[in-house]
């Protein structure tokens, strides 16, 4: 297994964990009602975005692991990484009014960079696979 494929697999495993964390945060927030106090009128939208982000992260993690093991199937990881980056940007925009542009936005920026690095690694695995054929 090449270094690029190993890197993609590690990033995919992290994605899998991030997906589970997003779903847990959304579930706890919905169950406890904390989303209402944090997001105000956008609480329902925040819950939908958090759940969607968690599902996309889980799917990207699974697709990344499959793509790392079998490079011909890496296209799904590439596309899901792009969708995850868009979902992270939506989550960051949604949290702007709630947190006043502080900590959560820096975290979202780091996660978007992570999303784009995942996409880049998936693209590298795809290119590496083309070179083999």
C-alpha atoms as a PDB file:
ATOM      1  CA  UNK A   1       0.000   0.000   0.000  1.00  0.00           C
ATOM      2  CA  UNK A   2       1.422   3.364  -1.025  1.00  0.00           C
ATOM      3  CA  UNK A   3       1.951   6.302   1.313  1.00  0.00           C
ATOM      4  CA  UNK A   4      -0.927   8.179  -0.367  1.00  0.00           C
ATOM      5  CA  UNK A   5      -3.334   5.304   0.187  1.00  0.00           C
ATOM      6  CA  UNK A   6      -2.236   4.964   3.822  1.00  0.00           C
ATOM      7  CA  UNK A   7      -2.755   8.691   4.349  1.00  0.00           C
ATOM      8  CA  UNK A   8      -6.219   8.476   2.794  1.00  0.00           C
ATOM      9  CA  UNK A   9      -7.093   5.562   5.067  1.00  0.00           C
ATOM     10  CA  UNK A  10      -5.999   7.479   8.181  1.00  0.00           C
ATOM     11  CA  UNK A  11      -7.973  10.553   7.079  1.00  0.00           C
ATOM     12  CA  UNK A  12     -10.990   8.342   6.401  1.00  0.00           C
ATOM     13  CA  UNK A  13     -10.809   6.837   9.883  1.00  0.00           C
ATOM     14  CA  UNK A  14     -10.709  10.340  11.356  1.00  0.00           C
ATOM     15  CA  UNK A  15     -13.721  11.227   9.190  1.00  0.00           C
ATOM     16  CA  UNK A  16     -15.549   8.227  10.586  1.00  0.00           C
ATOM     17  CA  UNK A  17     -14.898   9.438  14.144  1.00  0.00           C
ATOM     18  CA  UNK A  18     -15.920  13.009  13.226  1.00  0.00           C
ATOM     19  CA  UNK A  19     -19.180  11.657  11.806  1.00  0.00           C
ATOM     20  CA  UNK A  20     -19.980   9.808  15.002  1.00  0.00           C
ATOM     21  CA  UNK A  21     -19.108  12.889  17.088  1.00  0.00           C
ATOM     22  CA  UNK A  22     -21.355  15.120  14.946  1.00  0.00           C
ATOM     23  CA  UNK A  23     -24.261  12.712  15.296  1.00  0.00           C
ATOM     24  CA  UNK A  24     -23.765  12.454  19.066  1.00  0.00           C
ATOM     25  CA  UNK A  25     -23.582  16.259  19.429  1.00  0.00           C
ATOM     26  CA  UNK A  26     -26.727  16.639  17.332  1.00  0.00           C
ATOM     27  CA  UNK A  27     -28.546  13.931  19.291  1.00  0.00           C
ATOM     28  CA  UNK A  28     -27.589  15.341  22.675  1.00  0.00           C
ATOM     29  CA  UNK A  29     -28.416  18.874  21.529  1.00  0.00           C
ATOM     30  CA  UNK A  30     -31.829  17.847  20.255  1.00  0.00           C
ATOM     31  CA  UNK A  31     -32.635  15.724  23.314  1.00  0.00           C
ATOM     32  CA  UNK A  32     -31.550  18.321  25.846  1.00  0.00           C
ATOM     33  CA  UNK A  33     -32.850  21.360  23.991  1.00  0.00           C
ATOM     34  CA  UNK A  34     -29.439  23.050  24.037  1.00  0.00           C
ATOM     35  CA  UNK A  35     -29.663  23.816  20.332  1.00  0.00           C
ATOM     36  CA  UNK A  36     -32.513  26.231  21.040  1.00  0.00           C
ATOM     37  CA  UNK A  37     -30.428  28.249  23.478  1.00  0.00           C
ATOM     38  CA  UNK A  38     -27.316  28.163  21.282  1.00  0.00           C
ATOM     39  CA  UNK A  39     -28.763  28.745  17.818  1.00  0.00           C
ATOM     40  CA  UNK A  40     -31.966  30.553  18.701  1.00  0.00           C
ATOM     41  CA  UNK A  41     -34.389  30.627  15.766  1.00  0.00           C
ATOM     42  CA  UNK A  42     -31.982  28.547  13.667  1.00  0.00           C
ATOM     43  CA  UNK A  43     -32.078  25.578  16.063  1.00  0.00           C
ATOM     44  CA  UNK A  44     -33.992  23.256  13.753  1.00  0.00           C
ATOM     45  CA  UNK A  45     -31.759  24.150  10.807  1.00  0.00           C
ATOM     46  CA  UNK A  46     -28.693  23.608  12.995  1.00  0.00           C
ATOM     47  CA  UNK A  47     -29.942  20.155  13.965  1.00  0.00           C
ATOM     48  CA  UNK A  48     -30.503  19.230  10.321  1.00  0.00           C
ATOM     49  CA  UNK A  49     -27.046  20.515   9.325  1.00  0.00           C
ATOM     50  CA  UNK A  50     -25.339  18.681  12.204  1.00  0.00           C
ATOM     51  CA  UNK A  51     -27.089  15.418  11.367  1.00  0.00           C
ATOM     52  CA  UNK A  52     -26.372  15.835   7.643  1.00  0.00           C
ATOM     53  CA  UNK A  53     -22.721  16.640   8.377  1.00  0.00           C
ATOM     54  CA  UNK A  54     -22.446  13.545  10.571  1.00  0.00           C
ATOM     55  CA  UNK A  55     -23.979  11.290   7.932  1.00  0.00           C
ATOM     56  CA  UNK A  56     -21.779  12.756   5.182  1.00  0.00           C
ATOM     57  CA  UNK A  57     -18.661  12.363   7.346  1.00  0.00           C
ATOM     58  CA  UNK A  58     -19.536   8.730   8.087  1.00  0.00           C
ATOM     59  CA  UNK A  59     -20.157   8.047   4.401  1.00  0.00           C
ATOM     60  CA  UNK A  60     -16.924   9.810   3.408  1.00  0.00           C
ATOM     61  CA  UNK A  61     -15.040   7.752   5.975  1.00  0.00           C
ATOM     62  CA  UNK A  62     -16.423   4.492   4.639  1.00  0.00           C
ATOM     63  CA  UNK A  63     -15.819   5.554   1.023  1.00  0.00           C
ATOM     64  CA  UNK A  64     -12.284   6.660   1.884  1.00  0.00           C
ATOM     65  CA  UNK A  65     -11.462   3.336   3.513  1.00  0.00           C
ATOM     66  CA  UNK A  66     -12.872   1.481   0.498  1.00  0.00           C
ATOM     67  CA  UNK A  67     -10.971   3.773  -1.864  1.00  0.00           C
ATOM     68  CA  UNK A  68      -7.717   3.285   0.030  1.00  0.00           C
ATOM     69  CA  UNK A  69      -8.133  -0.486  -0.124  1.00  0.00           C
ATOM     70  CA  UNK A  70      -9.349  -0.549  -3.724  1.00  0.00           C
ATOM     71  CA  UNK A  71      -8.272   2.601  -5.620  1.00  0.00           C
ATOM     72  CA  UNK A  72     -10.766   2.020  -8.430  1.00  0.00           C
ATOM     73  CA  UNK A  73     -13.526   2.909  -5.926  1.00  0.00           C
ATOM     74  CA  UNK A  74     -11.973   6.166  -4.640  1.00  0.00           C
ATOM     75  CA  UNK A  75     -14.261   8.424  -6.713  1.00  0.00           C
ATOM     76  CA  UNK A  76     -16.998   8.237  -4.054  1.00  0.00           C
ATOM     77  CA  UNK A  77     -14.584   9.481  -1.389  1.00  0.00           C
ATOM     78  CA  UNK A  78     -13.579  12.372  -3.634  1.00  0.00           C
ATOM     79  CA  UNK A  79     -17.198  13.468  -4.153  1.00  0.00           C
ATOM     80  CA  UNK A  80     -18.205  12.979  -0.521  1.00  0.00           C
ATOM     81  CA  UNK A  81     -15.192  15.003   0.614  1.00  0.00           C
ATOM     82  CA  UNK A  82     -16.443  17.922  -1.475  1.00  0.00           C
ATOM     83  CA  UNK A  83     -19.941  17.547  -0.018  1.00  0.00           C
ATOM     84  CA  UNK A  84     -18.435  17.431   3.499  1.00  0.00           C
ATOM     85  CA  UNK A  85     -16.542  20.674   2.851  1.00  0.00           C
ATOM     86  CA  UNK A  86     -19.764  22.356   1.711  1.00  0.00           C
ATOM     87  CA  UNK A  87     -21.613  21.034   4.781  1.00  0.00           C
ATOM     88  CA  UNK A  88     -18.834  22.358   7.038  1.00  0.00           C
ATOM     89  CA  UNK A  89     -19.106  25.790   5.439  1.00  0.00           C
ATOM     90  CA  UNK A  90     -22.886  25.696   5.960  1.00  0.00           C
ATOM     91  CA  UNK A  91     -22.343  24.746   9.593  1.00  0.00           C
ATOM     92  CA  UNK A  92     -19.847  27.605  10.036  1.00  0.00           C
ATOM     93  CA  UNK A  93     -22.227  30.142   8.482  1.00  0.00           C
ATOM     94  CA  UNK A  94     -25.018  28.889  10.703  1.00  0.00           C
ATOM     95  CA  UNK A  95     -22.910  29.303  13.845  1.00  0.00           C
ATOM     96  CA  UNK A  96     -21.688  32.832  13.047  1.00  0.00           C
ATOM     97  CA  UNK A  97     -24.526  34.627  14.854  1.00  0.00           C
ATOM     98  CA  UNK A  98     -24.592  32.183  17.760  1.00  0.00           C
ATOM     99  CA  UNK A  99     -20.932  32.453  18.706  1.00  0.00           C
ATOM    100  CA  UNK A 100     -20.082  35.944  17.559  1.00  0.00           C
ATOM    101  CA  UNK A 101     -17.330  34.802  15.199  1.00  0.00           C
ATOM    102  CA  UNK A 102     -15.002  33.330  17.813  1.00  0.00           C
ATOM    103  CA  UNK A 103     -13.859  29.789  18.539  1.00  0.00           C
ATOM    104  CA  UNK A 104     -16.315  27.782  16.467  1.00  0.00           C
ATOM    105  CA  UNK A 105     -15.414  29.590  13.261  1.00  0.00           C
ATOM    106  CA  UNK A 106     -11.720  28.788  13.660  1.00  0.00           C
ATOM    107  CA  UNK A 107     -12.674  25.178  14.244  1.00  0.00           C
ATOM    108  CA  UNK A 108     -14.824  25.184  11.129  1.00  0.00           C
ATOM    109  CA  UNK A 109     -11.937  26.683   9.153  1.00  0.00           C
ATOM    110  CA  UNK A 110      -9.635  23.873  10.317  1.00  0.00           C
ATOM    111  CA  UNK A 111     -12.250  21.259   9.415  1.00  0.00           C
ATOM    112  CA  UNK A 112     -12.734  22.776   5.935  1.00  0.00           C
ATOM    113  CA  UNK A 113      -8.966  22.592   5.398  1.00  0.00           C
ATOM    114  CA  UNK A 114      -9.119  18.956   6.575  1.00  0.00           C
ATOM    115  CA  UNK A 115     -12.002  18.294   4.150  1.00  0.00           C
ATOM    116  CA  UNK A 116     -10.017  19.754   1.272  1.00  0.00           C
ATOM    117  CA  UNK A 117      -6.907  17.757   2.244  1.00  0.00           C
ATOM    118  CA  UNK A 118      -9.060  14.602   2.211  1.00  0.00           C
ATOM    119  CA  UNK A 119     -10.315  15.521  -1.280  1.00  0.00           C
ATOM    120  CA  UNK A 120      -6.746  16.139  -2.436  1.00  0.00           C
ATOM    121  CA  UNK A 121      -5.593  12.764  -1.101  1.00  0.00           C
ATOM    122  CA  UNK A 122      -8.516  11.014  -2.779  1.00  0.00           C
ATOM    123  CA  UNK A 123      -7.554  12.727  -6.032  1.00  0.00           C
ATOM    124  CA  UNK A 124      -3.933  11.598  -5.595  1.00  0.00           C
ATOM    125  CA  UNK A 125      -5.037   7.983  -5.071  1.00  0.00           C
ATOM    126  CA  UNK A 126      -7.207   8.277  -8.174  1.00  0.00           C
ATOM    127  CA  UNK A 127      -4.283   9.634 -10.216  1.00  0.00           C
ATOM    128  CA  UNK A 128      -1.979   6.947  -8.804  1.00  0.00           C
ATOM    129  CA  UNK A 129      -4.490   4.308  -9.887  1.00  0.00           C
ATOM    130  CA  UNK A 130      -4.641   5.747 -13.422  1.00  0.00           C
ATOM    131  CA  UNK A 131      -0.855   5.585 -13.661  1.00  0.00           C
ATOM    132  CA  UNK A 132      -0.939   1.884 -12.805  1.00  0.00           C
ATOM    133  CA  UNK A 133      -3.424   1.046 -15.537  1.00  0.00           C
END
